[in-house]
C-alpha atoms as a PDB file:
ATOM      1  CA  MET A   1     -59.307  14.749  10.117  1.00  0.00           C
ATOM      2  CA  CYS A   2     -59.103  12.677   6.974  1.00  0.00           C
ATOM      3  CA  MET A   3     -55.967  12.520   4.784  1.00  0.00           C
ATOM      4  CA  CYS A   4     -57.597  14.808   2.151  1.00  0.00           C
ATOM      5  CA  ASP A   5     -57.946  17.396   4.484  1.00  0.00           C
ATOM      6  CA  ARG A   6     -54.377  17.099   5.928  1.00  0.00           C
ATOM      7  CA  SER A   7     -53.158  17.388   2.585  1.00  0.00           C
ATOM      8  CA  LYS A   8     -54.997  20.491   1.861  1.00  0.00           C
ATOM      9  CA  HIS A   9     -53.772  21.798   5.435  1.00  0.00           C
ATOM     10  CA  PHE A  10     -50.074  21.137   4.453  1.00  0.00           C
ATOM     11  CA  LEU A  11     -50.547  22.655   1.050  1.00  0.00           C
ATOM     12  CA  LEU A  12     -52.075  25.803   2.384  1.00  0.00           C
ATOM     13  CA  CYS A  13     -49.173  26.039   4.945  1.00  0.00           C
ATOM     14  CA  GLY A  14     -46.695  25.754   2.235  1.00  0.00           C
ATOM     15  CA  LEU A  15     -48.271  28.441   0.162  1.00  0.00           C
ATOM     16  CA  LEU A  16     -48.347  30.664   3.214  1.00  0.00           C
ATOM     17  CA  LEU A  17     -44.740  30.065   3.826  1.00  0.00           C
ATOM     18  CA  LEU A  18     -43.913  30.728   0.252  1.00  0.00           C
ATOM     19  CA  CYS A  19     -45.886  33.875   0.169  1.00  0.00           C
ATOM     20  CA  LEU A  20     -44.043  35.065   3.498  1.00  0.00           C
ATOM     21  CA  SER A  21     -40.683  34.426   1.980  1.00  0.00           C
ATOM     22  CA  ALA A  22     -41.566  36.413  -1.093  1.00  0.00           C
ATOM     23  CA  CYS A  23     -42.727  39.283   0.895  1.00  0.00           C
ATOM     24  CA  MET A  24     -39.524  39.271   3.142  1.00  0.00           C
ATOM     25  CA  SER A  25     -37.212  39.203   0.219  1.00  0.00           C
ATOM     26  CA  ASP A  26     -35.554  42.546  -0.747  1.00  0.00           C
ATOM     27  CA  ASN A  27     -36.465  42.948  -4.344  1.00  0.00           C
ATOM     28  CA  ARG A  28     -35.577  46.619  -4.571  1.00  0.00           C
ATOM     29  CA  LYS A  29     -33.308  47.841  -7.264  1.00  0.00           C
ATOM     30  CA  PRO A  30     -29.548  48.337  -6.311  1.00  0.00           C
ATOM     31  CA  GLU A  31     -29.962  52.147  -6.426  1.00  0.00           C
ATOM     32  CA  ASP A  32     -32.870  52.109  -4.121  1.00  0.00           C
ATOM     33  CA  LYS A  33     -30.809  49.927  -1.686  1.00  0.00           C
ATOM     34  CA  ALA A  34     -27.943  52.627  -1.966  1.00  0.00           C
ATOM     35  CA  LYS A  35     -30.378  55.449  -1.382  1.00  0.00           C
ATOM     36  CA  ALA A  36     -31.754  53.810   1.783  1.00  0.00           C
ATOM     37  CA  VAL A  37     -28.125  53.104   3.215  1.00  0.00           C
ATOM     38  CA  LEU A  38     -27.382  56.914   2.519  1.00  0.00           C
ATOM     39  CA  ARG A  39     -30.425  57.963   4.132  1.00  0.00           C
ATOM     40  CA  GLU A  40     -29.751  55.870   7.225  1.00  0.00           C
ATOM     41  CA  ALA A  41     -26.305  57.222   7.449  1.00  0.00           C
ATOM     42  CA  LEU A  42     -27.204  60.908   7.121  1.00  0.00           C
ATOM     43  CA  THR A  43     -30.179  60.407   9.619  1.00  0.00           C
ATOM     44  CA  ALA A  44     -27.434  59.115  12.115  1.00  0.00           C
ATOM     45  CA  LEU A  45     -25.565  62.385  11.506  1.00  0.00           C
ATOM     46  CA  GLN A  46     -28.759  64.320  11.998  1.00  0.00           C
ATOM     47  CA  ARG A  47     -28.947  62.573  15.658  1.00  0.00           C
ATOM     48  CA  HIS A  48     -25.127  63.345  16.280  1.00  0.00           C
ATOM     49  CA  ASP A  49     -24.561  59.577  15.907  1.00  0.00           C
ATOM     50  CA  ILE A  50     -21.368  59.728  14.462  1.00  0.00           C
ATOM     51  CA  ASP A  51     -20.449  56.098  15.243  1.00  0.00           C
ATOM     52  CA  GLY A  52     -23.819  55.134  13.563  1.00  0.00           C
ATOM     53  CA  TYR A  53     -22.741  57.269  10.478  1.00  0.00           C
ATOM     54  CA  LEU A  54     -19.175  55.562  10.270  1.00  0.00           C
ATOM     55  CA  LEU A  55     -20.768  52.137  10.208  1.00  0.00           C
ATOM     56  CA  HIS A  56     -21.874  53.145   6.670  1.00  0.00           C
ATOM     57  CA  VAL A  57     -18.377  54.201   5.388  1.00  0.00           C
ATOM     58  CA  ASP A  58     -16.458  51.979   3.214  1.00  0.00           C
ATOM     59  CA  ARG A  59     -13.225  50.991   4.851  1.00  0.00           C
ATOM     60  CA  SER A  60     -11.879  48.790   2.270  1.00  0.00           C
ATOM     61  CA  THR A  61      -9.646  51.403   0.875  1.00  0.00           C
ATOM     62  CA  GLY A  62      -7.431  50.964   3.982  1.00  0.00           C
ATOM     63  CA  MET A  63      -8.786  53.791   6.152  1.00  0.00           C
ATOM     64  CA  ASP A  64      -6.542  53.504   9.345  1.00  0.00           C
ATOM     65  CA  ASP A  65      -7.283  54.750  12.991  1.00  0.00           C
ATOM     66  CA  GLU A  66      -5.583  58.213  12.336  1.00  0.00           C
ATOM     67  CA  GLN A  67      -7.832  58.816   9.254  1.00  0.00           C
ATOM     68  CA  GLU A  68     -10.904  57.814  11.029  1.00  0.00           C
ATOM     69  CA  ALA A  69     -10.208  59.962  14.169  1.00  0.00           C
ATOM     70  CA  PHE A  70      -9.659  62.783  11.585  1.00  0.00           C
ATOM     71  CA  ILE A  71     -12.893  62.246   9.773  1.00  0.00           C
ATOM     72  CA  ARG A  72     -14.710  62.098  13.238  1.00  0.00           C
ATOM     73  CA  ARG A  73     -13.382  65.570  14.410  1.00  0.00           C
ATOM     74  CA  LEU A  74     -14.332  67.029  11.136  1.00  0.00           C
ATOM     75  CA  LEU A  75     -17.779  65.579  11.390  1.00  0.00           C
ATOM     76  CA  GLU A  76     -18.172  66.877  14.919  1.00  0.00           C
ATOM     77  CA  GLN A  77     -17.030  70.160  13.933  1.00  0.00           C
ATOM     78  CA  HIS A  78     -19.189  70.255  10.952  1.00  0.00           C
ATOM     79  CA  GLN A  79     -22.232  69.265  13.216  1.00  0.00           C
ATOM     80  CA  ASP A  80     -21.405  71.897  15.693  1.00  0.00           C
ATOM     81  CA  TRP A  81     -21.215  74.640  12.901  1.00  0.00           C
ATOM     82  CA  GLN A  82     -24.292  73.252  11.290  1.00  0.00           C
ATOM     83  CA  ASP A  83     -26.337  73.495  14.623  1.00  0.00           C
ATOM     84  CA  HIS A  84     -25.113  76.903  15.261  1.00  0.00           C
ATOM     85  CA  VAL A  85     -25.836  78.367  11.996  1.00  0.00           C
ATOM     86  CA  ARG A  86     -28.645  76.528  10.465  1.00  0.00           C
ATOM     87  CA  GLY A  87     -30.288  74.875  13.554  1.00  0.00           C
ATOM     88  CA  ALA A  88     -31.691  71.355  13.517  1.00  0.00           C
ATOM     89  CA  VAL A  89     -31.927  69.142  10.506  1.00  0.00           C
ATOM     90  CA  LEU A  90     -35.712  68.850   9.854  1.00  0.00           C
ATOM     91  CA  GLU A  91     -35.640  66.475   6.954  1.00  0.00           C
ATOM     92  CA  VAL A  92     -33.214  64.181   5.180  1.00  0.00           C
ATOM     93  CA  GLU A  93     -34.270  63.087   1.798  1.00  0.00           C
ATOM     94  CA  THR A  94     -32.462  60.923  -0.962  1.00  0.00           C
ATOM     95  CA  VAL A  95     -34.105  62.219  -4.155  1.00  0.00           C
ATOM     96  CA  ASP A  96     -32.439  60.102  -6.895  1.00  0.00           C
ATOM     97  CA  ALA A  97     -29.777  57.721  -7.666  1.00  0.00           C
ATOM     98  CA  GLU A  98     -27.782  56.863 -10.746  1.00  0.00           C
ATOM     99  CA  MET A  99     -25.848  53.408 -11.153  1.00  0.00           C
ATOM    100  CA  GLN A 100     -22.406  53.732 -12.717  1.00  0.00           C
ATOM    101  CA  GLY A 101     -21.901  49.992 -13.516  1.00  0.00           C
ATOM    102  CA  ASP A 102     -22.723  47.307 -11.128  1.00  0.00           C
ATOM    103  CA  SER A 103     -20.808  48.374  -7.926  1.00  0.00           C
ATOM    104  CA  VAL A 104     -20.875  52.344  -7.984  1.00  0.00           C
ATOM    105  CA  CYS A 105     -23.912  54.414  -7.458  1.00  0.00           C
ATOM    106  CA  THR A 106     -24.251  58.160  -7.025  1.00  0.00           C
ATOM    107  CA  VAL A 107     -27.091  59.253  -4.740  1.00  0.00           C
ATOM    108  CA  PHE A 108     -28.536  62.614  -4.642  1.00  0.00           C
ATOM    109  CA  TYR A 109     -29.805  64.030  -1.299  1.00  0.00           C
ATOM    110  CA  GLN A 110     -31.472  67.014   0.208  1.00  0.00           C
ATOM    111  CA  ILE A 111     -31.376  68.203   3.849  1.00  0.00           C
ATOM    112  CA  THR A 112     -33.859  70.712   5.040  1.00  0.00           C
ATOM    113  CA  PHE A 113     -32.779  72.759   8.065  1.00  0.00           C
ATOM    114  CA  ALA A 114     -34.587  74.688  10.782  1.00  0.00           C
ATOM    115  CA  ASP A 115     -33.665  78.242   9.313  1.00  0.00           C
ATOM    116  CA  SER A 116     -35.324  76.963   6.082  1.00  0.00           C
ATOM    117  CA  THR A 117     -32.053  76.562   4.131  1.00  0.00           C
ATOM    118  CA  VAL A 118     -31.767  73.427   2.034  1.00  0.00           C
ATOM    119  CA  GLU A 119     -28.342  71.519   1.307  1.00  0.00           C
ATOM    120  CA  VAL A 120     -28.381  69.594  -1.822  1.00  0.00           C
ATOM    121  CA  GLY A 121     -25.518  67.223  -2.712  1.00  0.00           C
ATOM    122  CA  SER A 122     -24.440  63.880  -4.083  1.00  0.00           C
ATOM    123  CA  GLN A 123     -22.520  60.974  -2.430  1.00  0.00           C
ATOM    124  CA  LYS A 124     -20.883  58.111  -4.187  1.00  0.00           C
ATOM    125  CA  MET A 125     -21.819  54.660  -2.810  1.00  0.00           C
ATOM    126  CA  VAL A 126     -19.948  51.289  -3.451  1.00  0.00           C
ATOM    127  CA  ARG A 127     -21.282  48.024  -3.382  1.00  0.00           C
ATOM    128  CA  ALA A 128     -20.109  46.140  -0.356  1.00  0.00           C
ATOM    129  CA  GLY A 129     -21.222  42.385  -0.751  1.00  0.00           C
ATOM    130  CA  GLU A 130     -25.032  42.495  -0.820  1.00  0.00           C
ATOM    131  CA  GLY A 131     -25.109  45.952   0.656  1.00  0.00           C
ATOM    132  CA  TRP A 132     -23.784  49.590   0.138  1.00  0.00           C
ATOM    133  CA  LYS A 133     -21.305  51.756   1.735  1.00  0.00           C
ATOM    134  CA  ILE A 134     -20.349  55.375   1.405  1.00  0.00           C
ATOM    135  CA  ARG A 135     -17.344  55.759  -0.665  1.00  0.00           C
ATOM    136  CA  ASN A 136     -14.761  57.678   1.381  1.00  0.00           C
ATOM    137  CA  ARG A 137     -12.730  59.121  -1.552  1.00  0.00           C
ATOM    138  CA  ASN A 138     -13.533  59.816  -5.039  1.00  0.00           C
END
């Protein structure tokens, strides 16, 4: 292989690495990121994974162990009621989001249940570093 071929080879490898890094970077808008986090959290609840849901809750406001235990019990009771009355969750969809400044976003969601009922709601999200968390108080 001559030097010219080697230079082309390294140039092509460099371009490939640039393309891969561009593809892997997260260029989504902040509200799209907030929507994705809420969808992940609501999907965890759908699977009865309360710990998975709580991973997405903002704890920076000083939620102590007692408050977390209360929220956990509340979520468990709500899940039991929901399963009994509405049946399984068929679909979780985040339909829209609106930014309020740089660090707060309201995400609008829709949950479809086995009994054909649809729950529509909104959830405030707060920026946490590069990510988003569910705001645990308004």
